[in-house]
Amino acid sequence: MGFCEHCEGQRFDRAQVLRRLRQTRAQLRDDADPCTADEALRLAIRSVRALEIPHLEPIDDWMDETTDDQVIH
């Protein structure tokens, strides 16, 4: 059993976003000047928006035709 392309893409996208947020958090910790919560959120949102995340349409056929295994969607 595997994930359909749409769901696999979402899992990858989520991982990218979490990785970027962790990098932003580390950057904020390393900054000499503390920032406000509003500034931190603004920076986090800006860094996630900079990611190039494609939009995938869900597939109609949720069966993997090559192996006859069901695909999780």
C-alpha atoms as a PDB file:
ATOM      1  CA  MET A   1       0.000   0.000   0.000  1.00  0.00           C
ATOM      2  CA  GLY A   2       1.290   3.471  -0.786  1.00  0.00           C
ATOM      3  CA  PHE A   3       0.198   7.060  -0.955  1.00  0.00           C
ATOM      4  CA  CYS A   4      -1.274   8.618  -4.079  1.00  0.00           C
ATOM      5  CA  GLU A   5       0.800  11.312  -5.767  1.00  0.00           C
ATOM      6  CA  HIS A   6      -1.402  14.045  -4.299  1.00  0.00           C
ATOM      7  CA  CYS A   7      -1.020  12.842  -0.700  1.00  0.00           C
ATOM      8  CA  GLU A   8       2.663  12.037  -1.102  1.00  0.00           C
ATOM      9  CA  GLY A   9       3.139  15.594  -2.370  1.00  0.00           C
ATOM     10  CA  GLN A  10       1.311  16.981   0.648  1.00  0.00           C
ATOM     11  CA  ARG A  11       3.550  14.971   2.991  1.00  0.00           C
ATOM     12  CA  PHE A  12       6.628  16.363   1.212  1.00  0.00           C
ATOM     13  CA  ASP A  13       5.227  19.911   1.305  1.00  0.00           C
ATOM     14  CA  ARG A  14       4.506  19.626   5.025  1.00  0.00           C
ATOM     15  CA  ALA A  15       8.066  18.457   5.631  1.00  0.00           C
ATOM     16  CA  GLN A  16       9.427  21.436   3.669  1.00  0.00           C
ATOM     17  CA  VAL A  17       7.324  23.883   5.676  1.00  0.00           C
ATOM     18  CA  LEU A  18       8.336  22.365   9.016  1.00  0.00           C
ATOM     19  CA  ARG A  19      11.996  22.402   8.005  1.00  0.00           C
ATOM     20  CA  ARG A  20      11.731  26.068   6.973  1.00  0.00           C
ATOM     21  CA  LEU A  21       9.995  27.003  10.226  1.00  0.00           C
ATOM     22  CA  ARG A  22      12.729  25.266  12.231  1.00  0.00           C
ATOM     23  CA  GLN A  23      15.381  27.188  10.271  1.00  0.00           C
ATOM     24  CA  THR A  24      13.552  30.440  10.967  1.00  0.00           C
ATOM     25  CA  ARG A  25      13.315  29.607  14.671  1.00  0.00           C
ATOM     26  CA  ALA A  26      17.058  28.919  14.791  1.00  0.00           C
ATOM     27  CA  GLN A  27      17.739  32.182  12.969  1.00  0.00           C
ATOM     28  CA  LEU A  28      15.630  34.104  15.471  1.00  0.00           C
ATOM     29  CA  ARG A  29      17.441  32.440  18.381  1.00  0.00           C
ATOM     30  CA  ASP A  30      20.828  33.388  16.911  1.00  0.00           C
ATOM     31  CA  ASP A  31      19.887  37.041  16.354  1.00  0.00           C
ATOM     32  CA  ALA A  32      21.460  39.387  18.876  1.00  0.00           C
ATOM     33  CA  ASP A  33      18.374  41.611  18.974  1.00  0.00           C
ATOM     34  CA  PRO A  34      15.195  39.973  20.266  1.00  0.00           C
ATOM     35  CA  CYS A  35      12.090  40.544  18.205  1.00  0.00           C
ATOM     36  CA  THR A  36       8.442  40.774  19.074  1.00  0.00           C
ATOM     37  CA  ALA A  37       6.053  37.882  18.533  1.00  0.00           C
ATOM     38  CA  ASP A  38       4.502  39.803  15.650  1.00  0.00           C
ATOM     39  CA  GLU A  39       7.887  40.220  13.961  1.00  0.00           C
ATOM     40  CA  ALA A  40       8.692  36.532  14.479  1.00  0.00           C
ATOM     41  CA  LEU A  41       5.408  35.440  12.925  1.00  0.00           C
ATOM     42  CA  ARG A  42       5.856  37.858  10.043  1.00  0.00           C
ATOM     43  CA  LEU A  43       9.311  36.396   9.350  1.00  0.00           C
ATOM     44  CA  ALA A  44       7.979  32.820   9.569  1.00  0.00           C
ATOM     45  CA  ILE A  45       5.117  33.572   7.175  1.00  0.00           C
ATOM     46  CA  ARG A  46       7.475  35.289   4.741  1.00  0.00           C
ATOM     47  CA  SER A  47       9.882  32.336   4.790  1.00  0.00           C
ATOM     48  CA  VAL A  48       7.091  29.803   4.124  1.00  0.00           C
ATOM     49  CA  ARG A  49       5.649  31.941   1.330  1.00  0.00           C
ATOM     50  CA  ALA A  50       9.077  31.901  -0.335  1.00  0.00           C
ATOM     51  CA  LEU A  51       8.835  28.120  -0.774  1.00  0.00           C
ATOM     52  CA  GLU A  52       7.864  26.956  -4.235  1.00  0.00           C
ATOM     53  CA  ILE A  53       5.167  24.407  -3.485  1.00  0.00           C
ATOM     54  CA  PRO A  54       3.314  23.084  -6.538  1.00  0.00           C
ATOM     55  CA  HIS A  55      -0.384  22.328  -6.397  1.00  0.00           C
ATOM     56  CA  LEU A  56      -1.291  18.758  -7.317  1.00  0.00           C
ATOM     57  CA  GLU A  57      -4.813  17.746  -8.215  1.00  0.00           C
ATOM     58  CA  PRO A  58      -6.082  14.553  -6.580  1.00  0.00           C
ATOM     59  CA  ILE A  59      -6.292  11.579  -8.911  1.00  0.00           C
ATOM     60  CA  ASP A  60      -9.621   9.937  -9.650  1.00  0.00           C
ATOM     61  CA  ASP A  61      -8.281   6.394  -9.697  1.00  0.00           C
ATOM     62  CA  TRP A  62      -7.024   5.468  -6.225  1.00  0.00           C
ATOM     63  CA  MET A  63      -5.658   2.100  -7.318  1.00  0.00           C
ATOM     64  CA  ASP A  64      -2.068   1.563  -8.369  1.00  0.00           C
ATOM     65  CA  GLU A  65      -2.579  -0.230 -11.674  1.00  0.00           C
ATOM     66  CA  THR A  66       0.950  -1.623 -11.797  1.00  0.00           C
ATOM     67  CA  THR A  67       0.708  -3.618  -8.561  1.00  0.00           C
ATOM     68  CA  ASP A  68      -3.058  -3.801  -7.901  1.00  0.00           C
ATOM     69  CA  ASP A  69      -2.373  -2.418  -4.424  1.00  0.00           C
ATOM     70  CA  GLN A  70      -4.663   0.139  -2.892  1.00  0.00           C
ATOM     71  CA  VAL A  71      -3.306   3.642  -2.604  1.00  0.00           C
ATOM     72  CA  ILE A  72      -4.015   5.698   0.518  1.00  0.00           C
ATOM     73  CA  HIS A  73      -5.711   8.997  -0.264  1.00  0.00           C
END
